[in-house]
């Protein structure tokens, strides 16, 4: 099939495949390079045309970076014995990066069985470790709030439901703490959402540093954070709520040239065996709003205050 309509049909079909395909003759010289091969490797037909296989394929590499031509080259082996082969190696892209590939070679024979050349197909094929790492990464992204890096609402809901099940089956106590930044809406209105996002990141960092490894702390929504606190009774849970809110209020939170003084309203509720996710969170939320209303009645509280860093260093003169 050296010319004519059959060759044109062959190229039309193969060039529309996702895989890369190339053909070498008995002298290991490249005779065909598909569009898929060009797309996967970055090497054009002009880059590859007519080259000996060992010159044309520095792109084929072993795991340690050794050119495949110096090792167990599937093309050379199939050319010698006519046996199809399948192997996993790496392809070195023209742009410089490498990627794992699945390679298949098949001998091209005339009607008498004489080997005329070899066709190889290859496609990107992530290694098991890479694929597993990617799966873990995607799973993590599905449960992480992209702004703060804490657990997102979905992850918190999963944890609450799991803990409720453990409470019913094993009697393992837990509770939830909701924390809300006082006056945050005004910060967004006065300084913009980018500044507000910076405040949320600072608060998230402070909360994470002051929580236990066994607890799950996340962003519930907007400027609300929620912690699932394990192995605590009501009194211990209230202590945790005060500790978390105090950690934010007392921390020197610098954002640009500003030193922020943030007040936080917190509500906590220990879980009951009869609770659902909604009833438990609603109870903690109600207590948080009660705390917020009490905060508003105290002078100097109930907002996020900002002082230039230079002034704050002098005691706010």
Protein backbone atom coordinates (compact mmCIF):
# COMPACT_ATOMS: atom_id res chain seq x y z
CA UNK A 1 0.00 0.00 0.00
CA UNK A 2 2.64 2.49 -1.15
CA UNK A 3 0.41 4.91 -3.04
CA UNK A 4 -3.02 5.60 -4.46
CA UNK A 5 -6.46 5.50 -2.95
CA UNK A 6 -5.69 2.77 -0.43
CA UNK A 7 -2.82 4.77 1.07
CA UNK A 8 -4.96 7.90 1.22
CA UNK A 9 -7.71 5.95 3.01
CA UNK A 10 -5.18 4.52 5.46
CA UNK A 11 -3.81 7.95 6.33
CA UNK A 12 -7.30 9.42 6.72
CA UNK A 13 -8.29 6.72 9.17
CA UNK A 14 -5.06 6.66 11.19
CA UNK A 15 -4.69 10.43 11.36
CA UNK A 16 -8.05 10.61 13.09
CA UNK A 17 -7.05 8.20 15.84
CA UNK A 18 -6.31 9.53 19.33
CA UNK A 19 -3.21 7.32 19.52
CA UNK A 20 0.09 8.16 17.90
CA UNK A 21 1.10 5.82 15.07
CA UNK A 22 4.31 5.48 13.08
CA UNK A 23 5.78 2.97 10.62
CA UNK A 24 9.42 2.00 10.03
CA UNK A 25 10.75 -0.13 7.17
CA UNK A 26 13.24 -3.00 7.40
CA UNK A 27 16.14 -0.55 7.59
CA UNK A 28 14.47 1.06 10.62
CA UNK A 29 13.86 4.25 8.66
CA UNK A 30 10.69 6.19 9.45
CA UNK A 31 8.13 5.96 6.66
CA UNK A 32 4.98 7.35 8.29
CA UNK A 33 4.23 9.67 11.24
CA UNK A 34 0.58 10.27 12.16
CA UNK A 35 -1.10 13.45 13.35
CA UNK A 36 -1.74 11.73 16.67
CA UNK A 37 1.99 11.11 17.04
CA UNK A 38 2.64 14.77 16.30
CA UNK A 39 0.05 15.87 18.85
CA UNK A 40 1.35 13.59 21.62
CA UNK A 41 5.07 14.28 21.12
CA UNK A 42 5.25 17.79 19.69
CA UNK A 43 7.39 16.51 16.78
CA UNK A 44 6.00 17.29 13.34
CA UNK A 45 6.23 15.16 10.21
CA UNK A 46 9.00 17.48 9.02
CA UNK A 47 10.95 16.83 12.22
CA UNK A 48 10.76 13.06 11.81
CA UNK A 49 10.48 12.25 8.10
CA UNK A 50 13.05 9.84 6.68
CA UNK A 51 15.18 9.58 9.81
CA UNK A 52 16.64 6.29 11.04
CA UNK A 53 14.64 5.00 13.98
CA UNK A 54 17.44 5.47 16.52
CA UNK A 55 17.84 9.11 15.44
CA UNK A 56 14.13 9.76 15.23
CA UNK A 57 13.22 8.34 18.61
CA UNK A 58 15.20 9.93 21.38
CA UNK A 59 11.62 10.54 22.50
CA UNK A 60 11.33 6.89 23.64
CA UNK A 61 12.95 6.45 27.04
CA UNK A 62 13.24 3.95 29.85
CA UNK A 63 12.14 5.00 33.34
CA UNK A 64 15.65 6.23 34.18
CA UNK A 65 15.84 8.42 31.05
CA UNK A 66 17.99 6.05 28.99
CA UNK A 67 17.06 6.12 25.27
CA UNK A 68 14.98 3.05 24.44
CA UNK A 69 17.15 2.32 21.39
CA UNK A 70 20.00 1.31 23.71
CA UNK A 71 17.77 -1.12 25.59
CA UNK A 72 14.96 -3.57 24.82
CA UNK A 73 13.49 -1.60 21.93
CA UNK A 74 10.09 -3.10 20.99
CA UNK A 75 10.43 -1.89 17.38
CA UNK A 76 13.80 -3.57 16.87
CA UNK A 77 12.69 -6.78 18.55
CA UNK A 78 9.45 -7.04 16.55
CA UNK A 79 11.34 -6.22 13.37
CA UNK A 80 13.68 -9.14 14.10
CA UNK A 81 11.18 -11.83 15.06
CA UNK A 82 7.75 -10.58 13.95
CA UNK A 83 6.25 -11.03 17.42
CA UNK A 84 3.82 -8.29 18.57
CA UNK A 85 4.82 -6.53 21.78
CA UNK A 86 3.29 -4.29 24.40
CA UNK A 87 5.28 -2.29 26.94
CA UNK A 88 5.19 0.76 29.18
CA UNK A 89 7.90 3.37 28.71
CA UNK A 90 8.23 7.16 28.72
CA UNK A 91 8.00 9.62 25.87
CA UNK A 92 10.13 12.74 25.93
CA UNK A 93 8.04 15.58 24.50
CA UNK A 94 9.68 18.13 22.21
CA UNK A 95 8.87 20.83 24.80
CA UNK A 96 11.06 19.02 27.35
CA UNK A 97 8.66 17.20 29.68
CA UNK A 98 8.13 13.44 29.89
CA UNK A 99 4.99 11.38 30.21
CA UNK A 100 4.32 7.64 30.65
CA UNK A 101 3.08 5.86 27.54
CA UNK A 102 1.72 2.48 26.56
CA UNK A 103 3.48 1.20 23.42
CA UNK A 104 2.36 -1.56 21.04
CA UNK A 105 4.32 -2.89 18.06
CA UNK A 106 3.10 -5.11 15.22
CA UNK A 107 5.06 -6.50 12.28
CA UNK A 108 4.01 -5.60 8.74
CA UNK A 109 4.37 -8.66 6.49
CA UNK A 110 3.89 -9.42 2.80
CA UNK A 111 1.68 -12.35 1.67
CA UNK A 112 4.68 -14.67 1.89
CA UNK A 113 5.20 -13.74 5.54
CA UNK A 114 8.34 -11.69 5.00
CA UNK A 115 8.66 -8.80 7.49
CA UNK A 116 8.53 -5.46 5.65
CA UNK A 117 8.51 -3.17 8.64
CA UNK A 118 6.86 -2.43 11.97
CA UNK A 119 3.93 -0.26 12.97
CA UNK A 120 3.94 1.14 16.47
CA UNK A 121 1.00 2.77 18.25
CA UNK A 122 1.36 4.63 21.53
CA UNK A 123 -0.82 6.64 23.84
CA UNK A 124 -0.46 8.46 27.11
CA UNK A 125 -0.96 5.97 29.94
CA UNK A 126 -0.53 7.27 33.52
CA UNK A 127 1.42 4.98 35.79
CA UNK A 128 -0.36 3.45 38.77
CA UNK A 129 1.39 5.77 41.22
CA UNK A 130 0.58 8.86 39.17
CA UNK A 131 -3.04 7.81 38.74
CA UNK A 132 -3.40 7.08 42.46
CA UNK A 133 -1.86 10.43 43.35
CA UNK A 134 -4.25 12.16 40.95
CA UNK A 135 -7.25 10.35 42.44
CA UNK A 136 -6.18 11.37 45.94
CA UNK A 137 -5.71 14.94 44.77
CA UNK A 138 -9.20 15.07 43.26
CA UNK A 139 -10.72 13.54 46.38
CA UNK A 140 -8.97 16.12 48.50
CA UNK A 141 -10.13 18.98 46.28
CA UNK A 142 -13.72 17.75 46.63
CA UNK A 143 -13.49 18.21 50.42
CA UNK A 144 -11.34 21.35 50.73
CA UNK A 145 -12.44 24.97 50.73
CA UNK A 146 -10.27 26.53 48.00
CA UNK A 147 -9.95 29.90 49.74
CA UNK A 148 -8.95 28.88 53.25
CA UNK A 149 -7.58 25.38 52.74
CA UNK A 150 -9.83 24.09 55.52
CA UNK A 151 -12.52 21.44 55.14
CA UNK A 152 -15.48 22.62 53.07
CA UNK A 153 -19.16 22.35 53.99
CA UNK A 154 -19.53 18.99 52.28
CA UNK A 155 -16.65 17.50 54.27
CA UNK A 156 -18.03 18.89 57.54
CA UNK A 157 -21.47 17.41 56.86
CA UNK A 158 -19.90 14.02 56.19
CA UNK A 159 -17.98 14.24 59.47
CA UNK A 160 -21.05 15.27 61.51
CA UNK A 161 -23.12 12.40 60.12
CA UNK A 162 -20.29 9.97 60.79
CA UNK A 163 -19.91 11.23 64.36
CA UNK A 164 -23.66 10.99 64.97
CA UNK A 165 -23.52 7.36 63.91
CA UNK A 166 -20.60 6.73 66.27
CA UNK A 167 -22.49 8.44 69.11
CA UNK A 168 -25.50 6.15 68.62
CA UNK A 169 -23.52 2.93 68.16
CA UNK A 170 -20.62 3.40 70.58
CA UNK A 171 -21.58 6.33 72.79
CA UNK A 172 -18.64 8.42 71.60
CA UNK A 173 -19.44 12.05 72.54
CA UNK A 174 -18.84 15.04 70.32
CA UNK A 175 -20.20 18.49 69.63
CA UNK A 176 -20.01 21.33 67.15
CA UNK A 177 -18.74 24.89 67.48
CA UNK A 178 -19.82 27.64 65.10
CA UNK A 179 -17.74 30.81 64.86
CA UNK A 180 -18.84 33.94 63.05
CA UNK A 181 -16.74 37.06 62.39
CA UNK A 182 -18.44 40.15 63.79
CA UNK A 183 -18.87 43.00 61.33
CA UNK A 184 -17.45 41.11 58.37
CA UNK A 185 -20.05 42.37 55.90
CA UNK A 186 -18.92 45.93 56.59
CA UNK A 187 -15.33 44.94 55.84
CA UNK A 188 -16.36 43.64 52.42
CA UNK A 189 -18.47 46.75 51.77
CA UNK A 190 -15.70 49.17 52.79
CA UNK A 191 -12.60 47.40 51.47
CA UNK A 192 -13.76 44.95 48.81
CA UNK A 193 -13.95 41.19 48.61
CA UNK A 194 -10.25 40.68 47.97
CA UNK A 195 -9.45 42.28 51.32
CA UNK A 196 -12.23 40.25 52.92
CA UNK A 197 -10.77 37.04 51.46
CA UNK A 198 -7.45 37.96 53.05
CA UNK A 199 -9.16 38.29 56.44
CA UNK A 200 -10.78 34.87 56.06
CA UNK A 201 -7.43 33.29 55.25
CA UNK A 202 -5.83 34.81 58.34
CA UNK A 203 -8.66 33.62 60.57
CA UNK A 204 -8.56 30.12 59.05
CA UNK A 205 -4.83 29.86 59.70
CA UNK A 206 -5.27 30.92 63.33
CA UNK A 207 -8.13 28.48 63.93
CA UNK A 208 -6.20 25.61 62.37
CA UNK A 209 -3.19 26.30 64.57
CA UNK A 210 -5.32 26.21 67.71
CA UNK A 211 -7.38 23.10 67.01
CA UNK A 212 -6.63 19.48 67.86
CA UNK A 213 -5.62 16.95 65.23
CA UNK A 214 -8.64 14.82 66.12
CA UNK A 215 -11.10 17.64 65.38
CA UNK A 216 -12.38 18.67 61.97
CA UNK A 217 -12.46 22.42 61.40
CA UNK A 218 -13.79 23.97 58.24
CA UNK A 219 -15.49 26.84 56.50
CA UNK A 220 -19.24 26.45 56.84
CA UNK A 221 -20.06 29.33 54.52
CA UNK A 222 -19.34 33.04 54.07
CA UNK A 223 -17.59 34.18 57.25
CA UNK A 224 -18.78 31.23 59.34
CA UNK A 225 -16.47 28.45 60.48
CA UNK A 226 -17.58 25.20 62.07
CA UNK A 227 -15.63 22.72 64.13
CA UNK A 228 -16.59 19.10 64.86
CA UNK A 229 -15.06 18.53 68.29
CA UNK A 230 -14.69 14.94 69.49
CA UNK A 231 -14.66 13.35 72.96
CA UNK A 232 -16.03 16.36 74.85
CA UNK A 233 -18.96 17.07 77.14
CA UNK A 234 -20.90 20.36 77.17
CA UNK A 235 -18.52 22.08 79.59
CA UNK A 236 -15.41 21.03 77.65
CA UNK A 237 -17.06 22.06 74.40
CA UNK A 238 -17.72 25.56 75.72
CA UNK A 239 -14.08 25.79 76.73
CA UNK A 240 -13.03 24.86 73.17
CA UNK A 241 -15.38 27.49 71.75
CA UNK A 242 -13.86 30.18 73.99
CA UNK A 243 -10.35 29.04 73.14
CA UNK A 244 -10.92 29.20 69.38
CA UNK A 245 -12.63 32.58 69.42
CA UNK A 246 -10.00 33.98 71.81
CA UNK A 247 -7.18 32.71 69.57
CA UNK A 248 -8.49 34.87 66.74
CA UNK A 249 -9.24 37.92 68.89
CA UNK A 250 -5.83 37.97 70.58
CA UNK A 251 -3.68 37.05 67.58
CA UNK A 252 -1.66 39.80 65.84
CA UNK A 253 -3.20 39.40 62.40
CA UNK A 254 -1.33 41.49 59.85
CA UNK A 255 -2.84 42.10 56.43
CA UNK A 256 -0.60 44.36 54.39
CA UNK A 257 0.09 47.45 56.47
CA UNK A 258 -2.94 46.86 58.70
CA UNK A 259 -3.07 45.13 62.04
CA UNK A 260 -6.50 43.60 62.46
CA UNK A 261 -8.42 43.30 65.70
CA UNK A 262 -11.22 40.83 65.08
CA UNK A 263 -14.04 39.90 67.42
CA UNK A 264 -15.70 36.53 67.02
CA UNK A 265 -19.07 35.24 68.16
CA UNK A 266 -19.20 31.52 68.96
CA UNK A 267 -21.95 29.04 69.67
CA UNK A 268 -21.51 25.43 70.76
CA UNK A 269 -23.72 22.44 71.28
CA UNK A 270 -22.99 18.88 72.37
CA UNK A 271 -24.64 16.24 70.21
CA UNK A 272 -27.56 14.15 71.44
CA UNK A 273 -28.34 10.63 70.25
CA UNK A 274 -31.66 11.98 68.94
CA UNK A 275 -29.97 14.72 66.87
CA UNK A 276 -29.79 15.02 63.14
CA UNK A 277 -27.22 17.12 61.35
CA UNK A 278 -29.74 19.93 60.95
CA UNK A 279 -30.95 19.94 64.55
CA UNK A 280 -27.42 19.91 65.98
CA UNK A 281 -26.16 22.72 63.78
CA UNK A 282 -29.34 24.76 64.32
CA UNK A 283 -28.87 24.60 68.08
CA UNK A 284 -25.26 25.72 67.89
CA UNK A 285 -26.23 28.42 65.41
CA UNK A 286 -28.91 29.77 67.76
CA UNK A 287 -26.40 29.98 70.58
CA UNK A 288 -23.96 31.78 68.31
CA UNK A 289 -26.57 34.44 67.48
CA UNK A 290 -27.33 34.83 71.17
CA UNK A 291 -23.62 35.46 71.77
CA UNK A 292 -23.51 37.90 68.86
CA UNK A 293 -26.42 39.92 70.25
CA UNK A 294 -24.71 40.04 73.64
CA UNK A 295 -21.49 41.16 71.97
CA UNK A 296 -23.21 44.07 70.26
CA UNK A 297 -24.27 45.46 73.65
CA UNK A 298 -20.66 45.71 74.83
CA UNK A 299 -18.74 48.90 73.92
CA UNK A 300 -15.81 48.41 71.56
CA UNK A 301 -16.93 44.97 70.45
CA UNK A 302 -18.78 43.53 67.53
CA UNK A 303 -16.59 44.53 64.61
CA UNK A 304 -13.27 44.17 62.85
CA UNK A 305 -11.03 47.10 63.71
CA UNK A 306 -7.97 48.05 61.71
CA UNK A 307 -4.98 50.14 62.70
CA UNK A 308 -1.89 50.88 60.59
CA UNK A 309 0.94 48.61 61.72
CA UNK A 310 3.17 51.56 62.66
CA UNK A 311 0.50 53.02 64.96
CA UNK A 312 -0.34 49.70 66.54
CA UNK A 313 3.31 49.23 67.45
CA UNK A 314 3.09 52.46 69.48
CA UNK A 315 0.03 51.29 71.31
CA UNK A 316 -2.48 52.79 68.89
CA UNK A 317 -1.62 56.41 69.49
